[in-house]
């Protein structure tokens, strides 16, 4: 059985700990009203499939994580968030990100 309070707490954790956003900013990110997001986070409403899809798509998390707390590994939320940003990037932005990450990776390798 789905626990709407636990689900809401997971969504709040994603908002606060991963994105460090206010409820208003996170709601805008996900295409939701701040009021609706607040009700979901507080467990007053069980998240609908439409809302769940918006949150997962825009926060880079899986439905399994939000609904059941299932996570592939400790870094999967970070990886999903990065993947989400990359999926929404233009070709030009992707090239810039690649150069940036390559430079950082090279620098870290030299430090070891």
PDB file of N, CA and C in Angstrom:
ATOM      1  N   UNK A   1       0.838  -1.185   0.000  1.00  0.00           N
ATOM      2  CA  UNK A   1       0.000   0.000   0.000  1.00  0.00           C
ATOM      3  C   UNK A   1       0.883   1.249   0.000  1.00  0.00           C
ATOM      4  N   UNK A   2       0.504   2.226  -0.771  1.00  0.00           N
ATOM      5  CA  UNK A   2       1.258   3.460  -0.869  1.00  0.00           C
ATOM      6  C   UNK A   2       0.970   4.359   0.325  1.00  0.00           C
ATOM      7  N   UNK A   3       2.029   4.901   0.902  1.00  0.00           N
ATOM      8  CA  UNK A   3       1.915   5.784   2.058  1.00  0.00           C
ATOM      9  C   UNK A   3       2.135   7.221   1.597  1.00  0.00           C
ATOM     10  N   UNK A   4       1.060   7.990   1.547  1.00  0.00           N
ATOM     11  CA  UNK A   4       1.159   9.341   0.987  1.00  0.00           C
ATOM     12  C   UNK A   4       2.026  10.270   1.828  1.00  0.00           C
ATOM     13  N   UNK A   5       2.153  10.029   3.113  1.00  0.00           N
ATOM     14  CA  UNK A   5       3.024  10.862   3.954  1.00  0.00           C
ATOM     15  C   UNK A   5       4.484  10.589   3.637  1.00  0.00           C
ATOM     16  N   UNK A   6       4.841   9.322   3.482  1.00  0.00           N
ATOM     17  CA  UNK A   6       6.221   8.952   3.137  1.00  0.00           C
ATOM     18  C   UNK A   6       6.572   9.433   1.735  1.00  0.00           C
ATOM     19  N   UNK A   7       5.649   9.299   0.811  1.00  0.00           N
ATOM     20  CA  UNK A   7       5.864   9.773  -0.561  1.00  0.00           C
ATOM     21  C   UNK A   7       6.091  11.286  -0.555  1.00  0.00           C
ATOM     22  N   UNK A   8       5.259  12.007   0.155  1.00  0.00           N
ATOM     23  CA  UNK A   8       5.419  13.451   0.257  1.00  0.00           C
ATOM     24  C   UNK A   8       6.752  13.839   0.877  1.00  0.00           C
ATOM     25  N   UNK A   9       7.179  13.080   1.878  1.00  0.00           N
ATOM     26  CA  UNK A   9       8.469  13.358   2.528  1.00  0.00           C
ATOM     27  C   UNK A   9       9.623  13.134   1.554  1.00  0.00           C
ATOM     28  N   UNK A  10       9.522  12.103   0.725  1.00  0.00           N
ATOM     29  CA  UNK A  10      10.579  11.867  -0.277  1.00  0.00           C
ATOM     30  C   UNK A  10      10.651  13.020  -1.271  1.00  0.00           C
ATOM     31  N   UNK A  11       9.505  13.500  -1.694  1.00  0.00           N
ATOM     32  CA  UNK A  11       9.475  14.621  -2.642  1.00  0.00           C
ATOM     33  C   UNK A  11      10.073  15.863  -1.983  1.00  0.00           C
ATOM     34  N   UNK A  12       9.725  16.120  -0.742  1.00  0.00           N
ATOM     35  CA  UNK A  12      10.292  17.270  -0.019  1.00  0.00           C
ATOM     36  C   UNK A  12      11.808  17.127   0.118  1.00  0.00           C
ATOM     37  N   UNK A  13      12.274  15.924   0.397  1.00  0.00           N
ATOM     38  CA  UNK A  13      13.716  15.684   0.513  1.00  0.00           C
ATOM     39  C   UNK A  13      14.420  15.971  -0.803  1.00  0.00           C
ATOM     40  N   UNK A  14      13.827  15.547  -1.904  1.00  0.00           N
ATOM     41  CA  UNK A  14      14.406  15.828  -3.227  1.00  0.00           C
ATOM     42  C   UNK A  14      14.489  17.341  -3.427  1.00  0.00           C
ATOM     43  N   UNK A  15      13.415  18.018  -3.114  1.00  0.00           N
ATOM     44  CA  UNK A  15      13.368  19.479  -3.285  1.00  0.00           C
ATOM     45  C   UNK A  15      14.408  20.180  -2.421  1.00  0.00           C
ATOM     46  N   UNK A  16      14.478  19.794  -1.164  1.00  0.00           N
ATOM     47  CA  UNK A  16      15.363  20.493  -0.224  1.00  0.00           C
ATOM     48  C   UNK A  16      16.821  20.052  -0.324  1.00  0.00           C
ATOM     49  N   UNK A  17      17.055  18.743  -0.393  1.00  0.00           N
ATOM     50  CA  UNK A  17      18.423  18.232  -0.307  1.00  0.00           C
ATOM     51  C   UNK A  17      19.151  18.153  -1.641  1.00  0.00           C
ATOM     52  N   UNK A  18      18.423  17.942  -2.723  1.00  0.00           N
ATOM     53  CA  UNK A  18      19.078  17.855  -4.030  1.00  0.00           C
ATOM     54  C   UNK A  18      19.061  19.202  -4.737  1.00  0.00           C
ATOM     55  N   UNK A  19      17.893  19.846  -4.768  1.00  0.00           N
ATOM     56  CA  UNK A  19      17.763  21.090  -5.518  1.00  0.00           C
ATOM     57  C   UNK A  19      17.938  22.341  -4.662  1.00  0.00           C
ATOM     58  N   UNK A  20      17.788  22.211  -3.360  1.00  0.00           N
ATOM     59  CA  UNK A  20      17.914  23.366  -2.454  1.00  0.00           C
ATOM     60  C   UNK A  20      17.002  24.501  -2.907  1.00  0.00           C
ATOM     61  N   UNK A  21      15.751  24.137  -3.220  1.00  0.00           N
ATOM     62  CA  UNK A  21      14.804  25.117  -3.734  1.00  0.00           C
ATOM     63  C   UNK A  21      13.635  25.298  -2.772  1.00  0.00           C
ATOM     64  N   UNK A  22      13.033  26.471  -2.847  1.00  0.00           N
ATOM     65  CA  UNK A  22      11.795  26.711  -2.128  1.00  0.00           C
ATOM     66  C   UNK A  22      10.701  25.886  -2.796  1.00  0.00           C
ATOM     67  N   UNK A  23       9.600  25.754  -2.092  1.00  0.00           N
ATOM     68  CA  UNK A  23       8.471  25.029  -2.679  1.00  0.00           C
ATOM     69  C   UNK A  23       8.000  25.718  -3.950  1.00  0.00           C
ATOM     70  N   UNK A  24       8.004  27.037  -3.955  1.00  0.00           N
ATOM     71  CA  UNK A  24       7.560  27.794  -5.133  1.00  0.00           C
ATOM     72  C   UNK A  24       8.453  27.506  -6.341  1.00  0.00           C
ATOM     73  N   UNK A  25       9.775  27.551  -6.157  1.00  0.00           N
ATOM     74  CA  UNK A  25      10.683  27.306  -7.277  1.00  0.00           C
ATOM     75  C   UNK A  25      10.573  25.876  -7.781  1.00  0.00           C
ATOM     76  N   UNK A  26      10.486  24.915  -6.858  1.00  0.00           N
ATOM     77  CA  UNK A  26      10.385  23.515  -7.267  1.00  0.00           C
ATOM     78  C   UNK A  26       9.058  23.257  -7.988  1.00  0.00           C
ATOM     79  N   UNK A  27       7.997  23.886  -7.505  1.00  0.00           N
ATOM     80  CA  UNK A  27       6.698  23.743  -8.166  1.00  0.00           C
ATOM     81  C   UNK A  27       6.771  24.281  -9.594  1.00  0.00           C
ATOM     82  N   UNK A  28       7.424  25.428  -9.769  1.00  0.00           N
ATOM     83  CA  UNK A  28       7.598  25.991 -11.116  1.00  0.00           C
ATOM     84  C   UNK A  28       8.417  25.044 -11.988  1.00  0.00           C
ATOM     85  N   UNK A  29       9.485  24.481 -11.424  1.00  0.00           N
ATOM     86  CA  UNK A  29      10.325  23.528 -12.148  1.00  0.00           C
ATOM     87  C   UNK A  29       9.491  22.363 -12.679  1.00  0.00           C
ATOM     88  N   UNK A  30       8.554  21.916 -11.850  1.00  0.00           N
ATOM     89  CA  UNK A  30       7.762  20.733 -12.195  1.00  0.00           C
ATOM     90  C   UNK A  30       6.444  21.054 -12.896  1.00  0.00           C
ATOM     91  N   UNK A  31       6.141  22.330 -13.072  1.00  0.00           N
ATOM     92  CA  UNK A  31       4.889  22.702 -13.732  1.00  0.00           C
ATOM     93  C   UNK A  31       3.673  22.452 -12.864  1.00  0.00           C
ATOM     94  N   UNK A  32       3.832  22.670 -11.550  1.00  0.00           N
ATOM     95  CA  UNK A  32       2.747  22.472 -10.594  1.00  0.00           C
ATOM     96  C   UNK A  32       2.478  23.773  -9.860  1.00  0.00           C
ATOM     97  N   UNK A  33       1.333  23.848  -9.207  1.00  0.00           N
ATOM     98  CA  UNK A  33       1.100  24.998  -8.344  1.00  0.00           C
ATOM     99  C   UNK A  33       1.788  24.741  -7.007  1.00  0.00           C
ATOM    100  N   UNK A  34       2.180  25.815  -6.370  1.00  0.00           N
ATOM    101  CA  UNK A  34       2.838  25.692  -5.060  1.00  0.00           C
ATOM    102  C   UNK A  34       1.883  25.049  -4.048  1.00  0.00           C
ATOM    103  N   UNK A  35       0.621  25.401  -4.121  1.00  0.00           N
ATOM    104  CA  UNK A  35      -0.388  24.857  -3.220  1.00  0.00           C
ATOM    105  C   UNK A  35      -0.521  23.337  -3.388  1.00  0.00           C
ATOM    106  N   UNK A  36      -0.589  22.901  -4.626  1.00  0.00           N
ATOM    107  CA  UNK A  36      -0.725  21.469  -4.908  1.00  0.00           C
ATOM    108  C   UNK A  36       0.508  20.705  -4.422  1.00  0.00           C
ATOM    109  N   UNK A  37       1.692  21.221  -4.721  1.00  0.00           N
ATOM    110  CA  UNK A  37       2.925  20.581  -4.277  1.00  0.00           C
ATOM    111  C   UNK A  37       2.962  20.503  -2.752  1.00  0.00           C
ATOM    112  N   UNK A  38       2.552  21.558  -2.080  1.00  0.00           N
ATOM    113  CA  UNK A  38       2.522  21.557  -0.621  1.00  0.00           C
ATOM    114  C   UNK A  38       1.619  20.468  -0.067  1.00  0.00           C
ATOM    115  N   UNK A  39       0.457  20.300  -0.656  1.00  0.00           N
ATOM    116  CA  UNK A  39      -0.471  19.252  -0.204  1.00  0.00           C
ATOM    117  C   UNK A  39       0.125  17.861  -0.409  1.00  0.00           C
ATOM    118  N   UNK A  40       0.819  17.674  -1.519  1.00  0.00           N
ATOM    119  CA  UNK A  40       1.464  16.378  -1.782  1.00  0.00           C
ATOM    120  C   UNK A  40       2.594  16.146  -0.780  1.00  0.00           C
ATOM    121  N   UNK A  41       3.421  17.162  -0.573  1.00  0.00           N
ATOM    122  CA  UNK A  41       4.542  17.024   0.359  1.00  0.00           C
ATOM    123  C   UNK A  41       4.076  16.743   1.784  1.00  0.00           C
ATOM    124  N   UNK A  42       2.986  17.345   2.188  1.00  0.00           N
ATOM    125  CA  UNK A  42       2.474  17.138   3.548  1.00  0.00           C
ATOM    126  C   UNK A  42       1.686  15.832   3.680  1.00  0.00           C
ATOM    127  N   UNK A  43       1.456  15.150   2.569  1.00  0.00           N
ATOM    128  CA  UNK A  43       0.699  13.902   2.611  1.00  0.00           C
ATOM    129  C   UNK A  43      -0.796  14.108   2.681  1.00  0.00           C
ATOM    130  N   UNK A  44      -1.259  15.301   2.349  1.00  0.00           N
ATOM    131  CA  UNK A  44      -2.693  15.576   2.325  1.00  0.00           C
ATOM    132  C   UNK A  44      -3.334  14.981   1.080  1.00  0.00           C
ATOM    133  N   UNK A  45      -2.545  14.824   0.021  1.00  0.00           N
ATOM    134  CA  UNK A  45      -3.004  14.227  -1.238  1.00  0.00           C
ATOM    135  C   UNK A  45      -2.053  13.110  -1.644  1.00  0.00           C
ATOM    136  N   UNK A  46      -2.592  12.037  -2.171  1.00  0.00           N
ATOM    137  CA  UNK A  46      -1.748  11.017  -2.788  1.00  0.00           C
ATOM    138  C   UNK A  46      -1.406  11.532  -4.178  1.00  0.00           C
ATOM    139  N   UNK A  47      -0.142  11.530  -4.497  1.00  0.00           N
ATOM    140  CA  UNK A  47       0.324  12.067  -5.765  1.00  0.00           C
ATOM    141  C   UNK A  47      -0.354  11.333  -6.926  1.00  0.00           C
ATOM    142  N   UNK A  48      -0.873  12.092  -7.880  1.00  0.00           N
ATOM    143  CA  UNK A  48      -1.505  11.493  -9.064  1.00  0.00           C
ATOM    144  C   UNK A  48      -0.415  11.057 -10.035  1.00  0.00           C
ATOM    145  N   UNK A  49      -0.788  10.238 -10.986  1.00  0.00           N
ATOM    146  CA  UNK A  49       0.177   9.781 -11.993  1.00  0.00           C
ATOM    147  C   UNK A  49       0.709  10.970 -12.794  1.00  0.00           C
ATOM    148  N   UNK A  50      -0.150  11.916 -13.115  1.00  0.00           N
ATOM    149  CA  UNK A  50       0.259  13.088 -13.888  1.00  0.00           C
ATOM    150  C   UNK A  50       1.269  13.926 -13.097  1.00  0.00           C
ATOM    151  N   UNK A  51       0.985  14.151 -11.827  1.00  0.00           N
ATOM    152  CA  UNK A  51       1.896  14.920 -10.978  1.00  0.00           C
ATOM    153  C   UNK A  51       3.190  14.158 -10.755  1.00  0.00           C
ATOM    154  N   UNK A  52       3.084  12.865 -10.521  1.00  0.00           N
ATOM    155  CA  UNK A  52       4.271  12.025 -10.327  1.00  0.00           C
ATOM    156  C   UNK A  52       5.178  12.091 -11.553  1.00  0.00           C
ATOM    157  N   UNK A  53       4.589  12.024 -12.736  1.00  0.00           N
ATOM    158  CA  UNK A  53       5.368  12.108 -13.969  1.00  0.00           C
ATOM    159  C   UNK A  53       6.067  13.454 -14.085  1.00  0.00           C
ATOM    160  N   UNK A  54       5.374  14.534 -13.746  1.00  0.00           N
ATOM    161  CA  UNK A  54       5.980  15.865 -13.813  1.00  0.00           C
ATOM    162  C   UNK A  54       7.163  15.979 -12.856  1.00  0.00           C
ATOM    163  N   UNK A  55       6.986  15.483 -11.637  1.00  0.00           N
ATOM    164  CA  UNK A  55       8.064  15.560 -10.649  1.00  0.00           C
ATOM    165  C   UNK A  55       9.251  14.716 -11.080  1.00  0.00           C
ATOM    166  N   UNK A  56       9.002  13.482 -11.491  1.00  0.00           N
ATOM    167  CA  UNK A  56      10.086  12.582 -11.901  1.00  0.00           C
ATOM    168  C   UNK A  56      10.831  13.135 -13.115  1.00  0.00           C
ATOM    169  N   UNK A  57      10.102  13.616 -14.089  1.00  0.00           N
ATOM    170  CA  UNK A  57      10.728  14.143 -15.305  1.00  0.00           C
ATOM    171  C   UNK A  57      11.572  15.372 -15.033  1.00  0.00           C
ATOM    172  N   UNK A  58      11.105  16.220 -14.173  1.00  0.00           N
ATOM    173  CA  UNK A  58      11.793  17.483 -13.934  1.00  0.00           C
ATOM    174  C   UNK A  58      12.812  17.429 -12.798  1.00  0.00           C
ATOM    175  N   UNK A  59      12.761  16.393 -11.992  1.00  0.00           N
ATOM    176  CA  UNK A  59      13.721  16.259 -10.891  1.00  0.00           C
ATOM    177  C   UNK A  59      14.735  15.161 -11.162  1.00  0.00           C
ATOM    178  N   UNK A  60      14.524  14.386 -12.221  1.00  0.00           N
ATOM    179  CA  UNK A  60      15.486  13.346 -12.559  1.00  0.00           C
ATOM    180  C   UNK A  60      15.501  12.185 -11.594  1.00  0.00           C
ATOM    181  N   UNK A  61      14.343  11.829 -11.060  1.00  0.00           N
ATOM    182  CA  UNK A  61      14.242  10.685 -10.155  1.00  0.00           C
ATOM    183  C   UNK A  61      13.264   9.672 -10.739  1.00  0.00           C
ATOM    184  N   UNK A  62      13.303   8.459 -10.223  1.00  0.00           N
ATOM    185  CA  UNK A  62      12.407   7.421 -10.725  1.00  0.00           C
ATOM    186  C   UNK A  62      11.131   7.371  -9.904  1.00  0.00           C
ATOM    187  N   UNK A  63      10.105   6.832 -10.512  1.00  0.00           N
ATOM    188  CA  UNK A  63       8.855   6.618  -9.777  1.00  0.00           C
ATOM    189  C   UNK A  63       9.075   5.603  -8.660  1.00  0.00           C
ATOM    190  N   UNK A  64       9.916   4.611  -8.895  1.00  0.00           N
ATOM    191  CA  UNK A  64      10.207   3.621  -7.848  1.00  0.00           C
ATOM    192  C   UNK A  64      10.773   4.278  -6.600  1.00  0.00           C
ATOM    193  N   UNK A  65      11.618   5.287  -6.797  1.00  0.00           N
ATOM    194  CA  UNK A  65      12.178   5.956  -5.629  1.00  0.00           C
ATOM    195  C   UNK A  65      11.088   6.727  -4.882  1.00  0.00           C
ATOM    196  N   UNK A  66      10.304   7.509  -5.594  1.00  0.00           N
ATOM    197  CA  UNK A  66       9.287   8.322  -4.921  1.00  0.00           C
ATOM    198  C   UNK A  66       8.221   7.447  -4.263  1.00  0.00           C
ATOM    199  N   UNK A  67       7.745   6.442  -4.963  1.00  0.00           N
ATOM    200  CA  UNK A  67       6.656   5.627  -4.421  1.00  0.00           C
ATOM    201  C   UNK A  67       7.110   4.612  -3.379  1.00  0.00           C
ATOM    202  N   UNK A  68       8.274   3.992  -3.603  1.00  0.00           N
ATOM    203  CA  UNK A  68       8.677   2.871  -2.746  1.00  0.00           C
ATOM    204  C   UNK A  68      10.028   3.057  -2.057  1.00  0.00           C
ATOM    205  N   UNK A  69      10.736   4.126  -2.371  1.00  0.00           N
ATOM    206  CA  UNK A  69      12.039   4.347  -1.759  1.00  0.00           C
ATOM    207  C   UNK A  69      13.139   3.496  -2.355  1.00  0.00           C
ATOM    208  N   UNK A  70      12.862   2.838  -3.489  1.00  0.00           N
ATOM    209  CA  UNK A  70      13.858   1.973  -4.125  1.00  0.00           C
ATOM    210  C   UNK A  70      14.859   2.818  -4.901  1.00  0.00           C
ATOM    211  N   UNK A  71      16.109   2.519  -4.668  1.00  0.00           N
ATOM    212  CA  UNK A  71      17.183   3.281  -5.283  1.00  0.00           C
ATOM    213  C   UNK A  71      18.264   2.301  -5.716  1.00  0.00           C
ATOM    214  N   UNK A  72      18.740   2.417  -6.966  1.00  0.00           N
ATOM    215  CA  UNK A  72      19.758   1.506  -7.477  1.00  0.00           C
ATOM    216  C   UNK A  72      21.052   1.581  -6.688  1.00  0.00           C
ATOM    217  N   UNK A  73      21.515   2.764  -6.449  1.00  0.00           N
ATOM    218  CA  UNK A  73      22.715   2.946  -5.639  1.00  0.00           C
ATOM    219  C   UNK A  73      22.696   4.330  -5.023  1.00  0.00           C
ATOM    220  N   UNK A  74      23.664   4.611  -4.173  1.00  0.00           N
ATOM    221  CA  UNK A  74      23.649   5.865  -3.436  1.00  0.00           C
ATOM    222  C   UNK A  74      23.839   7.090  -4.320  1.00  0.00           C
ATOM    223  N   UNK A  75      24.305   6.913  -5.545  1.00  0.00           N
ATOM    224  CA  UNK A  75      24.541   8.042  -6.436  1.00  0.00           C
ATOM    225  C   UNK A  75      23.473   8.173  -7.520  1.00  0.00           C
ATOM    226  N   UNK A  76      22.486   7.298  -7.506  1.00  0.00           N
ATOM    227  CA  UNK A  76      21.541   7.302  -8.624  1.00  0.00           C
ATOM    228  C   UNK A  76      20.732   8.593  -8.710  1.00  0.00           C
ATOM    229  N   UNK A  77      20.385   9.201  -7.579  1.00  0.00           N
ATOM    230  CA  UNK A  77      19.636  10.468  -7.644  1.00  0.00           C
ATOM    231  C   UNK A  77      20.460  11.554  -8.305  1.00  0.00           C
ATOM    232  N   UNK A  78      21.734  11.611  -7.976  1.00  0.00           N
ATOM    233  CA  UNK A  78      22.610  12.607  -8.584  1.00  0.00           C
ATOM    234  C   UNK A  78      22.740  12.346 -10.079  1.00  0.00           C
ATOM    235  N   UNK A  79      22.959  11.086 -10.440  1.00  0.00           N
ATOM    236  CA  UNK A  79      23.102  10.731 -11.857  1.00  0.00           C
ATOM    237  C   UNK A  79      21.827  11.045 -12.627  1.00  0.00           C
ATOM    238  N   UNK A  80      20.681  10.738 -12.047  1.00  0.00           N
ATOM    239  CA  UNK A  80      19.417  11.008 -12.730  1.00  0.00           C
ATOM    240  C   UNK A  80      19.199  12.499 -12.908  1.00  0.00           C
ATOM    241  N   UNK A  81      19.584  13.279 -11.909  1.00  0.00           N
ATOM    242  CA  UNK A  81      19.442  14.725 -12.011  1.00  0.00           C
ATOM    243  C   UNK A  81      20.326  15.266 -13.123  1.00  0.00           C
ATOM    244  N   UNK A  82      21.561  14.791 -13.177  1.00  0.00           N
ATOM    245  CA  UNK A  82      22.483  15.220 -14.239  1.00  0.00           C
ATOM    246  C   UNK A  82      21.936  14.798 -15.600  1.00  0.00           C
ATOM    247  N   UNK A  83      21.465  13.557 -15.705  1.00  0.00           N
ATOM    248  CA  UNK A  83      20.887  13.079 -16.960  1.00  0.00           C
ATOM    249  C   UNK A  83      19.720  13.961 -17.394  1.00  0.00           C
ATOM    250  N   UNK A  84      18.906  14.358 -16.437  1.00  0.00           N
ATOM    251  CA  UNK A  84      17.759  15.211 -16.745  1.00  0.00           C
ATOM    252  C   UNK A  84      18.215  16.554 -17.312  1.00  0.00           C
ATOM    253  N   UNK A  85      19.239  17.145 -16.700  1.00  0.00           N
ATOM    254  CA  UNK A  85      19.773  18.408 -17.217  1.00  0.00           C
ATOM    255  C   UNK A  85      20.335  18.216 -18.623  1.00  0.00           C
ATOM    256  N   UNK A  86      21.067  17.139 -18.834  1.00  0.00           N
ATOM    257  CA  UNK A  86      21.672  16.893 -20.140  1.00  0.00           C
ATOM    258  C   UNK A  86      20.615  16.659 -21.208  1.00  0.00           C
ATOM    259  N   UNK A  87      19.551  15.946 -20.839  1.00  0.00           N
ATOM    260  CA  UNK A  87      18.473  15.690 -21.803  1.00  0.00           C
ATOM    261  C   UNK A  87      17.812  16.974 -22.280  1.00  0.00           C
ATOM    262  N   UNK A  88      17.850  18.006 -21.473  1.00  0.00           N
ATOM    263  CA  UNK A  88      17.196  19.270 -21.815  1.00  0.00           C
ATOM    264  C   UNK A  88      18.172  20.276 -22.410  1.00  0.00           C
ATOM    265  N   UNK A  89      19.388  19.849 -22.679  1.00  0.00           N
ATOM    266  CA  UNK A  89      20.425  20.756 -23.175  1.00  0.00           C
ATOM    267  C   UNK A  89      20.501  20.741 -24.689  1.00  0.00           C
ATOM    268  N   UNK A  90      20.921  21.867 -25.225  1.00  0.00           N
ATOM    269  CA  UNK A  90      21.142  21.955 -26.665  1.00  0.00           C
ATOM    270  C   UNK A  90      22.472  21.280 -26.999  1.00  0.00           C
ATOM    271  N   UNK A  91      22.710  21.077 -28.260  1.00  0.00           N
ATOM    272  CA  UNK A  91      23.966  20.480 -28.709  1.00  0.00           C
ATOM    273  C   UNK A  91      25.154  21.337 -28.285  1.00  0.00           C
ATOM    274  N   UNK A  92      24.993  22.633 -28.396  1.00  0.00           N
ATOM    275  CA  UNK A  92      26.061  23.557 -27.998  1.00  0.00           C
ATOM    276  C   UNK A  92      26.348  23.458 -26.502  1.00  0.00           C
ATOM    277  N   UNK A  93      25.308  23.401 -25.712  1.00  0.00           N
ATOM    278  CA  UNK A  93      25.475  23.267 -24.260  1.00  0.00           C
ATOM    279  C   UNK A  93      26.151  21.948 -23.906  1.00  0.00           C
ATOM    280  N   UNK A  94      25.777  20.873 -24.578  1.00  0.00           N
ATOM    281  CA  UNK A  94      26.397  19.571 -24.314  1.00  0.00           C
ATOM    282  C   UNK A  94      27.894  19.594 -24.578  1.00  0.00           C
ATOM    283  N   UNK A  95      28.298  20.253 -25.647  1.00  0.00           N
ATOM    284  CA  UNK A  95      29.731  20.357 -25.954  1.00  0.00           C
ATOM    285  C   UNK A  95      30.462  21.124 -24.858  1.00  0.00           C
ATOM    286  N   UNK A  96      29.848  22.174 -24.362  1.00  0.00           N
ATOM    287  CA  UNK A  96      30.462  22.965 -23.286  1.00  0.00           C
ATOM    288  C   UNK A  96      30.559  22.115 -22.015  1.00  0.00           C
ATOM    289  N   UNK A  97      29.497  21.401 -21.666  1.00  0.00           N
ATOM    290  CA  UNK A  97      29.516  20.538 -20.483  1.00  0.00           C
ATOM    291  C   UNK A  97      30.607  19.481 -20.606  1.00  0.00           C
ATOM    292  N   UNK A  98      30.718  18.895 -21.796  1.00  0.00           N
ATOM    293  CA  UNK A  98      31.725  17.858 -22.004  1.00  0.00           C
ATOM    294  C   UNK A  98      33.132  18.407 -21.780  1.00  0.00           C
ATOM    295  N   UNK A  99      33.404  19.572 -22.344  1.00  0.00           N
ATOM    296  CA  UNK A  99      34.726  20.191 -22.164  1.00  0.00           C
ATOM    297  C   UNK A  99      34.979  20.489 -20.689  1.00  0.00           C
ATOM    298  N   UNK A 100      33.994  20.988 -20.025  1.00  0.00           N
ATOM    299  CA  UNK A 100      34.111  21.335 -18.619  1.00  0.00           C
ATOM    300  C   UNK A 100      34.395  20.094 -17.769  1.00  0.00           C
ATOM    301  N   UNK A 101      33.617  19.050 -17.967  1.00  0.00           N
ATOM    302  CA  UNK A 101      33.798  17.812 -17.201  1.00  0.00           C
ATOM    303  C   UNK A 101      35.147  17.177 -17.529  1.00  0.00           C
ATOM    304  N   UNK A 102      35.535  17.174 -18.791  1.00  0.00           N
ATOM    305  CA  UNK A 102      36.835  16.615 -19.180  1.00  0.00           C
ATOM    306  C   UNK A 102      37.980  17.360 -18.506  1.00  0.00           C
ATOM    307  N   UNK A 103      37.870  18.670 -18.444  1.00  0.00           N
ATOM    308  CA  UNK A 103      38.909  19.477 -17.804  1.00  0.00           C
ATOM    309  C   UNK A 103      38.996  19.171 -16.309  1.00  0.00           C
ATOM    310  N   UNK A 104      37.868  19.098 -15.663  1.00  0.00           N
ATOM    311  CA  UNK A 104      37.859  18.786 -14.235  1.00  0.00           C
ATOM    312  C   UNK A 104      38.411  17.385 -13.982  1.00  0.00           C
ATOM    313  N   UNK A 105      37.983  16.430 -14.767  1.00  0.00           N
ATOM    314  CA  UNK A 105      38.445  15.047 -14.618  1.00  0.00           C
ATOM    315  C   UNK A 105      39.969  14.975 -14.801  1.00  0.00           C
ATOM    316  N   UNK A 106      40.491  15.670 -15.783  1.00  0.00           N
ATOM    317  CA  UNK A 106      41.924  15.711 -16.022  1.00  0.00           C
ATOM    318  C   UNK A 106      42.654  16.326 -14.829  1.00  0.00           C
ATOM    319  N   UNK A 107      42.116  17.401 -14.307  1.00  0.00           N
ATOM    320  CA  UNK A 107      42.718  18.061 -13.154  1.00  0.00           C
ATOM    321  C   UNK A 107      42.745  17.136 -11.936  1.00  0.00           C
ATOM    322  N   UNK A 108      41.644  16.443 -11.695  1.00  0.00           N
ATOM    323  CA  UNK A 108      41.559  15.515 -10.547  1.00  0.00           C
ATOM    324  C   UNK A 108      42.555  14.372 -10.723  1.00  0.00           C
ATOM    325  N   UNK A 109      42.672  13.850 -11.926  1.00  0.00           N
ATOM    326  CA  UNK A 109      43.621  12.767 -12.189  1.00  0.00           C
ATOM    327  C   UNK A 109      45.051  13.189 -11.912  1.00  0.00           C
ATOM    328  N   UNK A 110      45.391  14.432 -12.226  1.00  0.00           N
ATOM    329  CA  UNK A 110      46.747  14.948 -11.994  1.00  0.00           C
ATOM    330  C   UNK A 110      47.033  15.125 -10.508  1.00  0.00           C
ATOM    331  N   UNK A 111      46.007  15.371  -9.718  1.00  0.00           N
ATOM    332  CA  UNK A 111      46.167  15.590  -8.288  1.00  0.00           C
ATOM    333  C   UNK A 111      46.458  14.286  -7.534  1.00  0.00           C
ATOM    334  N   UNK A 112      46.099  13.159  -8.089  1.00  0.00           N
ATOM    335  CA  UNK A 112      46.266  11.868  -7.412  1.00  0.00           C
ATOM    336  C   UNK A 112      47.675  11.436  -7.443  1.00  0.00           C
TER     337      UNK A 112
END
